[in-house]
Amino acid sequence: MAANVQDVVMLVGDSLTQRGWEQGGFAQLLAEVYCRKLDVINRGLGGYQTDWAIPICEQIFAKQHEQHHVPQIKLLTIWYGANDAAPAPSPQHVPIDRYKENLSHIIQMVKSPTSAYYSPETRIILITPPPVNTKQWTAGRVFETTRSYAEAAKEVGEKENVPVADVWTKIFDAAGRSEEACEKYLNDGLHLTSDGYNIVFQAIMDIVERVYPELDPTWEAHGKMQTVFIPWDQVDAQNPRSSLMKRKVQL
């Protein structure tokens, strides 16, 4: 059998996204706040970079003629760069100019009316790679290189008019602008602890509140979003079936 799911928050990225389901991860936190409103789909693929992300997105995004038959992506997070920044000749390395082009390509897959994947109802958040702590992660990462890829992601966000969660700066600032002190937020120098993921989650929710308030799950009392199925105390006990119909989450 197949399941009907609600409209969704989709997360695309590398292992930082894949691990978002771990305890205290940002995917877990998003699933909690959007519970009964939007389902969270995690398409993080460990080790991937933006060259490889494009053919993946071509398969996981629905084309226009398919979108009426599948759940809509209401919020899309795009989080690459940690592997793109690996030094050459690593197969993960993507030169910074091509990294920027790839991010723009993924964004335009969703935003461009001429794209087969055009989805005007999808709201996009771009996330920068976090700092790398080379005192912990000693194999094939350079602190300043990762910083430059974070800056590049911000440049793409400005060019494409897409909000950017600058988690590189937020984590580095939280660590007192000390690479070594980033170990509180990086469990191995590259991947995030629950403290690091909480910073990512808060950065996403800050953007939702400021830029996409129609998707703010905490605003139910203000009539912005509602649960897909009504609260139990609104069920018509005499004729429950008539009141137990799926409804649109956005008002």
C-alpha atoms as a PDB file:
ATOM      1  CA  MET A   1       0.000   0.000   0.000  1.00  0.00           C
ATOM      2  CA  ALA A   2       0.983   3.650  -0.330  1.00  0.00           C
ATOM      3  CA  ALA A   3       0.631   6.491   2.143  1.00  0.00           C
ATOM      4  CA  ASN A   4      -0.844   9.938   1.621  1.00  0.00           C
ATOM      5  CA  VAL A   5       1.420  12.449   3.333  1.00  0.00           C
ATOM      6  CA  GLN A   6       0.974  16.091   4.176  1.00  0.00           C
ATOM      7  CA  ASP A   7       2.685  18.947   2.370  1.00  0.00           C
ATOM      8  CA  VAL A   8       6.313  19.031   3.362  1.00  0.00           C
ATOM      9  CA  VAL A   9       9.474  20.731   4.487  1.00  0.00           C
ATOM     10  CA  MET A  10      12.269  19.217   2.368  1.00  0.00           C
ATOM     11  CA  LEU A  11      15.905  19.299   3.460  1.00  0.00           C
ATOM     12  CA  VAL A  12      18.570  18.705   0.793  1.00  0.00           C
ATOM     13  CA  GLY A  13      22.265  18.582   1.536  1.00  0.00           C
ATOM     14  CA  ASP A  14      25.198  16.458   2.633  1.00  0.00           C
ATOM     15  CA  SER A  15      25.935  14.611   5.890  1.00  0.00           C
ATOM     16  CA  LEU A  16      25.154  17.729   7.923  1.00  0.00           C
ATOM     17  CA  THR A  17      21.592  17.374   6.678  1.00  0.00           C
ATOM     18  CA  GLN A  18      21.552  13.566   6.801  1.00  0.00           C
ATOM     19  CA  ARG A  19      22.573  13.655  10.470  1.00  0.00           C
ATOM     20  CA  GLY A  20      19.803  16.145  11.181  1.00  0.00           C
ATOM     21  CA  TRP A  21      17.688  13.209  12.400  1.00  0.00           C
ATOM     22  CA  GLU A  22      20.124  12.519  15.249  1.00  0.00           C
ATOM     23  CA  GLN A  23      19.098  13.471  18.767  1.00  0.00           C
ATOM     24  CA  GLY A  24      18.884  17.252  18.914  1.00  0.00           C
ATOM     25  CA  GLY A  25      19.374  17.545  15.151  1.00  0.00           C
ATOM     26  CA  PHE A  26      17.733  20.313  13.161  1.00  0.00           C
ATOM     27  CA  ALA A  27      15.510  17.910  11.188  1.00  0.00           C
ATOM     28  CA  GLN A  28      14.204  16.479  14.438  1.00  0.00           C
ATOM     29  CA  LEU A  29      13.561  19.972  15.802  1.00  0.00           C
ATOM     30  CA  LEU A  30      11.753  21.032  12.619  1.00  0.00           C
ATOM     31  CA  ALA A  31       9.615  17.881  12.691  1.00  0.00           C
ATOM     32  CA  GLU A  32       8.602  18.748  16.247  1.00  0.00           C
ATOM     33  CA  VAL A  33       7.514  22.321  15.542  1.00  0.00           C
ATOM     34  CA  TYR A  34       5.717  21.381  12.297  1.00  0.00           C
ATOM     35  CA  CYS A  35       4.034  18.321  13.817  1.00  0.00           C
ATOM     36  CA  ARG A  36       0.493  17.861  12.345  1.00  0.00           C
ATOM     37  CA  LYS A  37       1.126  20.708   9.901  1.00  0.00           C
ATOM     38  CA  LEU A  38       3.962  19.767   7.531  1.00  0.00           C
ATOM     39  CA  ASP A  39       5.937  16.535   7.219  1.00  0.00           C
ATOM     40  CA  VAL A  40       9.730  16.836   7.172  1.00  0.00           C
ATOM     41  CA  ILE A  41      11.557  14.923   4.421  1.00  0.00           C
ATOM     42  CA  ASN A  42      15.317  14.585   4.821  1.00  0.00           C
ATOM     43  CA  ARG A  43      17.295  14.109   1.608  1.00  0.00           C
ATOM     44  CA  GLY A  44      20.739  14.662   3.086  1.00  0.00           C
ATOM     45  CA  LEU A  45      23.356  12.412   1.478  1.00  0.00           C
ATOM     46  CA  GLY A  46      26.634  12.061   3.346  1.00  0.00           C
ATOM     47  CA  GLY A  47      29.740  12.931   1.339  1.00  0.00           C
ATOM     48  CA  TYR A  48      27.861  14.635  -1.494  1.00  0.00           C
ATOM     49  CA  GLN A  49      28.683  18.000  -3.034  1.00  0.00           C
ATOM     50  CA  THR A  50      26.854  20.298  -5.452  1.00  0.00           C
ATOM     51  CA  ASP A  51      28.009  18.621  -8.688  1.00  0.00           C
ATOM     52  CA  TRP A  52      26.342  15.430  -7.501  1.00  0.00           C
ATOM     53  CA  ALA A  53      23.380  17.248  -5.933  1.00  0.00           C
ATOM     54  CA  ILE A  54      21.954  18.474  -9.240  1.00  0.00           C
ATOM     55  CA  PRO A  55      21.113  15.024 -10.701  1.00  0.00           C
ATOM     56  CA  ILE A  56      19.725  14.026  -7.291  1.00  0.00           C
ATOM     57  CA  CYS A  57      17.448  17.085  -7.194  1.00  0.00           C
ATOM     58  CA  GLU A  58      16.278  16.272 -10.714  1.00  0.00           C
ATOM     59  CA  GLN A  59      14.933  13.017  -9.299  1.00  0.00           C
ATOM     60  CA  ILE A  60      13.524  14.154  -5.944  1.00  0.00           C
ATOM     61  CA  PHE A  61      11.803  17.360  -7.113  1.00  0.00           C
ATOM     62  CA  ALA A  62       8.466  16.810  -8.823  1.00  0.00           C
ATOM     63  CA  LYS A  63       8.040  18.249 -12.306  1.00  0.00           C
ATOM     64  CA  GLN A  64       5.227  20.713 -12.940  1.00  0.00           C
ATOM     65  CA  HIS A  65       2.882  18.147 -14.453  1.00  0.00           C
ATOM     66  CA  GLU A  66       3.439  15.866 -11.449  1.00  0.00           C
ATOM     67  CA  GLN A  67       2.925  18.448  -8.712  1.00  0.00           C
ATOM     68  CA  HIS A  68      -0.871  18.152  -8.594  1.00  0.00           C
ATOM     69  CA  HIS A  69      -0.560  14.491  -7.603  1.00  0.00           C
ATOM     70  CA  VAL A  70       2.053  14.697  -4.843  1.00  0.00           C
ATOM     71  CA  PRO A  71       2.534  16.733  -1.658  1.00  0.00           C
ATOM     72  CA  GLN A  72       3.846  20.256  -2.208  1.00  0.00           C
ATOM     73  CA  ILE A  73       7.219  21.349  -0.881  1.00  0.00           C
ATOM     74  CA  LYS A  74       6.313  24.410   1.156  1.00  0.00           C
ATOM     75  CA  LEU A  75       9.808  25.033   2.550  1.00  0.00           C
ATOM     76  CA  LEU A  76      13.096  23.865   1.015  1.00  0.00           C
ATOM     77  CA  THR A  77      16.475  24.121   2.746  1.00  0.00           C
ATOM     78  CA  ILE A  78      19.619  23.809   0.609  1.00  0.00           C
ATOM     79  CA  TRP A  79      22.767  23.071   2.601  1.00  0.00           C
ATOM     80  CA  TYR A  80      25.979  22.265   0.729  1.00  0.00           C
ATOM     81  CA  GLY A  81      29.561  23.448   0.859  1.00  0.00           C
ATOM     82  CA  ALA A  82      31.260  21.422   3.584  1.00  0.00           C
ATOM     83  CA  ASN A  83      32.386  18.832   1.019  1.00  0.00           C
ATOM     84  CA  ASP A  84      32.704  21.205  -1.951  1.00  0.00           C
ATOM     85  CA  ALA A  85      35.387  22.940   0.146  1.00  0.00           C
ATOM     86  CA  ALA A  86      37.530  19.799   0.397  1.00  0.00           C
ATOM     87  CA  PRO A  87      40.918  20.547  -1.195  1.00  0.00           C
ATOM     88  CA  ALA A  88      41.712  19.226  -4.681  1.00  0.00           C
ATOM     89  CA  PRO A  89      42.365  16.529  -5.811  1.00  0.00           C
ATOM     90  CA  SER A  90      39.658  15.097  -3.533  1.00  0.00           C
ATOM     91  CA  PRO A  91      36.681  13.864  -5.634  1.00  0.00           C
ATOM     92  CA  GLN A  92      34.488  15.895  -3.278  1.00  0.00           C
ATOM     93  CA  HIS A  93      36.176  19.159  -4.287  1.00  0.00           C
ATOM     94  CA  VAL A  94      34.123  21.610  -6.354  1.00  0.00           C
ATOM     95  CA  PRO A  95      35.863  24.869  -7.365  1.00  0.00           C
ATOM     96  CA  ILE A  96      34.225  27.816  -5.661  1.00  0.00           C
ATOM     97  CA  ASP A  97      32.924  29.456  -8.842  1.00  0.00           C
ATOM     98  CA  ARG A  98      31.254  26.212  -9.927  1.00  0.00           C
ATOM     99  CA  TYR A  99      29.905  25.757  -6.397  1.00  0.00           C
ATOM    100  CA  LYS A 100      28.164  29.114  -6.740  1.00  0.00           C
ATOM    101  CA  GLU A 101      26.849  28.195 -10.188  1.00  0.00           C
ATOM    102  CA  ASN A 102      25.532  24.894  -8.854  1.00  0.00           C
ATOM    103  CA  LEU A 103      23.718  26.537  -5.954  1.00  0.00           C
ATOM    104  CA  SER A 104      22.126  29.010  -8.362  1.00  0.00           C
ATOM    105  CA  HIS A 105      21.140  26.136 -10.647  1.00  0.00           C
ATOM    106  CA  ILE A 106      19.367  24.282  -7.827  1.00  0.00           C
ATOM    107  CA  ILE A 107      17.570  27.453  -6.752  1.00  0.00           C
ATOM    108  CA  GLN A 108      16.508  28.239 -10.313  1.00  0.00           C
ATOM    109  CA  MET A 109      15.153  24.720 -10.734  1.00  0.00           C
ATOM    110  CA  VAL A 110      12.480  25.808  -8.252  1.00  0.00           C
ATOM    111  CA  LYS A 111      12.188  29.541  -8.937  1.00  0.00           C
ATOM    112  CA  SER A 112      12.383  29.864 -12.723  1.00  0.00           C
ATOM    113  CA  PRO A 113       9.032  29.768 -14.579  1.00  0.00           C
ATOM    114  CA  THR A 114      10.839  28.095 -17.493  1.00  0.00           C
ATOM    115  CA  SER A 115      12.068  25.218 -15.313  1.00  0.00           C
ATOM    116  CA  ALA A 116      10.406  21.816 -15.517  1.00  0.00           C
ATOM    117  CA  TYR A 117      10.471  21.847 -11.695  1.00  0.00           C
ATOM    118  CA  TYR A 118       9.034  25.371 -11.224  1.00  0.00           C
ATOM    119  CA  SER A 119       7.199  25.593  -7.907  1.00  0.00           C
ATOM    120  CA  PRO A 120       6.091  29.137  -7.046  1.00  0.00           C
ATOM    121  CA  GLU A 121       4.670  28.076  -3.670  1.00  0.00           C
ATOM    122  CA  THR A 122       8.012  26.717  -2.459  1.00  0.00           C
ATOM    123  CA  ARG A 123       9.953  28.974  -0.102  1.00  0.00           C
ATOM    124  CA  ILE A 124      13.739  28.481  -0.098  1.00  0.00           C
ATOM    125  CA  ILE A 125      16.388  28.926   2.596  1.00  0.00           C
ATOM    126  CA  LEU A 126      20.067  28.585   1.716  1.00  0.00           C
ATOM    127  CA  ILE A 127      22.394  27.501   4.539  1.00  0.00           C
ATOM    128  CA  THR A 128      26.123  28.184   4.655  1.00  0.00           C
ATOM    129  CA  PRO A 129      28.594  25.482   5.677  1.00  0.00           C
ATOM    130  CA  PRO A 130      29.608  25.795   9.334  1.00  0.00           C
ATOM    131  CA  PRO A 131      33.202  26.424  10.432  1.00  0.00           C
ATOM    132  CA  VAL A 132      35.590  23.506  10.411  1.00  0.00           C
ATOM    133  CA  ASN A 133      37.801  22.923  13.442  1.00  0.00           C
ATOM    134  CA  THR A 134      41.072  21.621  12.073  1.00  0.00           C
ATOM    135  CA  LYS A 135      42.255  20.888  15.627  1.00  0.00           C
ATOM    136  CA  GLN A 136      39.625  18.103  15.642  1.00  0.00           C
ATOM    137  CA  TRP A 137      39.235  17.253  11.939  1.00  0.00           C
ATOM    138  CA  THR A 138      42.749  16.893  10.610  1.00  0.00           C
ATOM    139  CA  ALA A 139      42.087  15.211   7.246  1.00  0.00           C
ATOM    140  CA  GLY A 140      41.564  17.407   4.226  1.00  0.00           C
ATOM    141  CA  ARG A 141      39.834  20.576   5.405  1.00  0.00           C
ATOM    142  CA  VAL A 142      41.129  24.148   5.682  1.00  0.00           C
ATOM    143  CA  PHE A 143      39.502  26.668   8.025  1.00  0.00           C
ATOM    144  CA  GLU A 144      39.830  29.687   5.721  1.00  0.00           C
ATOM    145  CA  THR A 145      38.700  27.722   2.672  1.00  0.00           C
ATOM    146  CA  THR A 146      35.464  26.732   4.368  1.00  0.00           C
ATOM    147  CA  ARG A 147      34.964  30.369   5.369  1.00  0.00           C
ATOM    148  CA  SER A 148      35.283  31.382   1.708  1.00  0.00           C
ATOM    149  CA  TYR A 149      32.628  28.851   0.673  1.00  0.00           C
ATOM    150  CA  ALA A 150      30.316  30.208   3.357  1.00  0.00           C
ATOM    151  CA  GLU A 151      30.836  33.702   1.941  1.00  0.00           C
ATOM    152  CA  ALA A 152      30.160  32.335  -1.544  1.00  0.00           C
ATOM    153  CA  ALA A 153      26.838  30.865  -0.387  1.00  0.00           C
ATOM    154  CA  LYS A 154      25.855  34.273   0.973  1.00  0.00           C
ATOM    155  CA  GLU A 155      26.728  35.855  -2.380  1.00  0.00           C
ATOM    156  CA  VAL A 156      24.456  33.361  -4.139  1.00  0.00           C
ATOM    157  CA  GLY A 157      21.632  34.130  -1.729  1.00  0.00           C
ATOM    158  CA  GLU A 158      21.936  37.840  -2.466  1.00  0.00           C
ATOM    159  CA  LYS A 159      22.082  37.249  -6.221  1.00  0.00           C
ATOM    160  CA  GLU A 160      19.080  34.912  -6.214  1.00  0.00           C
ATOM    161  CA  ASN A 161      17.084  36.901  -3.647  1.00  0.00           C
ATOM    162  CA  VAL A 162      16.966  33.916  -1.308  1.00  0.00           C
ATOM    163  CA  PRO A 163      17.459  34.300   2.468  1.00  0.00           C
ATOM    164  CA  VAL A 164      20.616  32.731   3.871  1.00  0.00           C
ATOM    165  CA  ALA A 165      21.085  31.129   7.273  1.00  0.00           C
ATOM    166  CA  ASP A 166      24.690  32.152   7.937  1.00  0.00           C
ATOM    167  CA  VAL A 167      25.513  29.367  10.356  1.00  0.00           C
ATOM    168  CA  TRP A 168      29.260  29.811   9.750  1.00  0.00           C
ATOM    169  CA  THR A 169      29.151  33.237  11.404  1.00  0.00           C
ATOM    170  CA  LYS A 170      26.606  32.282  14.060  1.00  0.00           C
ATOM    171  CA  ILE A 171      28.613  29.276  15.242  1.00  0.00           C
ATOM    172  CA  PHE A 172      31.963  31.099  15.079  1.00  0.00           C
ATOM    173  CA  ASP A 173      30.505  34.012  17.046  1.00  0.00           C
ATOM    174  CA  ALA A 174      28.995  31.631  19.608  1.00  0.00           C
ATOM    175  CA  ALA A 175      32.478  30.123  20.008  1.00  0.00           C
ATOM    176  CA  GLY A 176      33.944  33.542  20.772  1.00  0.00           C
ATOM    177  CA  ARG A 177      35.480  33.657  17.295  1.00  0.00           C
ATOM    178  CA  SER A 178      37.916  30.916  18.259  1.00  0.00           C
ATOM    179  CA  GLU A 179      38.395  27.933  15.959  1.00  0.00           C
ATOM    180  CA  GLU A 180      39.387  25.702  18.850  1.00  0.00           C
ATOM    181  CA  ALA A 181      36.314  26.712  20.888  1.00  0.00           C
ATOM    182  CA  CYS A 182      34.094  25.512  18.029  1.00  0.00           C
ATOM    183  CA  GLU A 183      34.445  22.013  19.505  1.00  0.00           C
ATOM    184  CA  LYS A 184      31.321  22.726  21.576  1.00  0.00           C
ATOM    185  CA  TYR A 185      29.371  22.882  18.312  1.00  0.00           C
ATOM    186  CA  LEU A 186      31.363  20.355  16.220  1.00  0.00           C
ATOM    187  CA  ASN A 187      31.628  16.814  17.539  1.00  0.00           C
ATOM    188  CA  ASP A 188      34.524  15.851  15.255  1.00  0.00           C
ATOM    189  CA  GLY A 189      35.538  19.182  13.764  1.00  0.00           C
ATOM    190  CA  LEU A 190      33.195  18.864  10.773  1.00  0.00           C
ATOM    191  CA  HIS A 191      29.827  17.518  11.934  1.00  0.00           C
ATOM    192  CA  LEU A 192      27.565  19.234  14.429  1.00  0.00           C
ATOM    193  CA  THR A 193      26.686  18.550  18.036  1.00  0.00           C
ATOM    194  CA  SER A 194      23.153  19.182  19.310  1.00  0.00           C
ATOM    195  CA  ASP A 195      24.336  22.669  20.340  1.00  0.00           C
ATOM    196  CA  GLY A 196      25.461  23.309  16.773  1.00  0.00           C
ATOM    197  CA  TYR A 197      22.214  22.003  15.331  1.00  0.00           C
ATOM    198  CA  ASN A 198      20.234  24.196  17.684  1.00  0.00           C
ATOM    199  CA  ILE A 199      21.971  27.231  16.171  1.00  0.00           C
ATOM    200  CA  VAL A 200      21.019  26.001  12.688  1.00  0.00           C
ATOM    201  CA  PHE A 201      17.414  25.417  13.755  1.00  0.00           C
ATOM    202  CA  GLN A 202      17.115  28.858  15.344  1.00  0.00           C
ATOM    203  CA  ALA A 203      18.601  30.488  12.229  1.00  0.00           C
ATOM    204  CA  ILE A 204      16.011  28.759  10.038  1.00  0.00           C
ATOM    205  CA  MET A 205      13.138  29.705  12.317  1.00  0.00           C
ATOM    206  CA  ASP A 206      14.331  33.324  12.487  1.00  0.00           C
ATOM    207  CA  ILE A 207      14.146  33.477   8.686  1.00  0.00           C
ATOM    208  CA  VAL A 208      10.712  31.850   8.655  1.00  0.00           C
ATOM    209  CA  GLU A 209       9.432  34.406  11.154  1.00  0.00           C
ATOM    210  CA  ARG A 210      10.920  37.397   9.305  1.00  0.00           C
ATOM    211  CA  VAL A 211      10.672  36.396   5.637  1.00  0.00           C
ATOM    212  CA  TYR A 212       8.085  33.611   5.408  1.00  0.00           C
ATOM    213  CA  PRO A 213       5.620  34.336   8.241  1.00  0.00           C
ATOM    214  CA  GLU A 214       2.927  32.352   6.435  1.00  0.00           C
ATOM    215  CA  LEU A 215       4.988  29.257   7.327  1.00  0.00           C
ATOM    216  CA  ASP A 216       5.579  30.161  10.972  1.00  0.00           C
ATOM    217  CA  PRO A 217       4.214  27.146  12.890  1.00  0.00           C
ATOM    218  CA  THR A 218       4.127  29.081  16.160  1.00  0.00           C
ATOM    219  CA  TRP A 219       1.597  31.550  14.794  1.00  0.00           C
ATOM    220  CA  GLU A 220      -1.433  29.271  14.882  1.00  0.00           C
ATOM    221  CA  ALA A 221      -3.220  31.633  17.255  1.00  0.00           C
ATOM    222  CA  HIS A 222      -2.774  34.414  14.686  1.00  0.00           C
ATOM    223  CA  GLY A 223      -4.394  32.355  11.935  1.00  0.00           C
ATOM    224  CA  LYS A 224      -1.293  31.756   9.805  1.00  0.00           C
ATOM    225  CA  MET A 225      -1.240  27.959   9.945  1.00  0.00           C
ATOM    226  CA  GLN A 226      -3.556  25.266  11.203  1.00  0.00           C
ATOM    227  CA  THR A 227      -3.199  21.552  11.803  1.00  0.00           C
ATOM    228  CA  VAL A 228      -4.136  19.301   8.880  1.00  0.00           C
ATOM    229  CA  PHE A 229      -6.695  17.513  11.051  1.00  0.00           C
ATOM    230  CA  ILE A 230      -8.723  19.424  13.615  1.00  0.00           C
ATOM    231  CA  PRO A 231      -7.991  19.304  17.367  1.00  0.00           C
ATOM    232  CA  TRP A 232      -9.805  16.540  19.184  1.00  0.00           C
ATOM    233  CA  ASP A 233     -12.109  18.916  21.047  1.00  0.00           C
ATOM    234  CA  GLN A 234     -13.485  20.207  17.722  1.00  0.00           C
ATOM    235  CA  VAL A 235     -14.548  16.783  16.477  1.00  0.00           C
ATOM    236  CA  ASP A 236     -18.307  16.424  16.028  1.00  0.00           C
ATOM    237  CA  ALA A 237     -18.890  13.538  18.410  1.00  0.00           C
ATOM    238  CA  GLN A 238     -22.343  12.862  16.929  1.00  0.00           C
ATOM    239  CA  ASN A 239     -21.063  12.737  13.348  1.00  0.00           C
ATOM    240  CA  PRO A 240     -17.259  12.445  13.550  1.00  0.00           C
ATOM    241  CA  ARG A 241     -16.580  11.475   9.938  1.00  0.00           C
ATOM    242  CA  SER A 242     -17.885  14.777   8.580  1.00  0.00           C
ATOM    243  CA  SER A 243     -15.475  16.759  10.756  1.00  0.00           C
ATOM    244  CA  LEU A 244     -12.444  14.526  10.246  1.00  0.00           C
ATOM    245  CA  MET A 245     -11.552  15.759   6.787  1.00  0.00           C
ATOM    246  CA  LYS A 246      -8.044  16.767   5.765  1.00  0.00           C
ATOM    247  CA  ARG A 247      -7.693  20.532   5.370  1.00  0.00           C
ATOM    248  CA  LYS A 248      -5.096  22.936   3.999  1.00  0.00           C
ATOM    249  CA  VAL A 249      -2.508  23.895   6.585  1.00  0.00           C
ATOM    250  CA  GLN A 250      -2.181  27.510   5.389  1.00  0.00           C
ATOM    251  CA  LEU A 251      -5.095  29.889   5.837  1.00  0.00           C
END
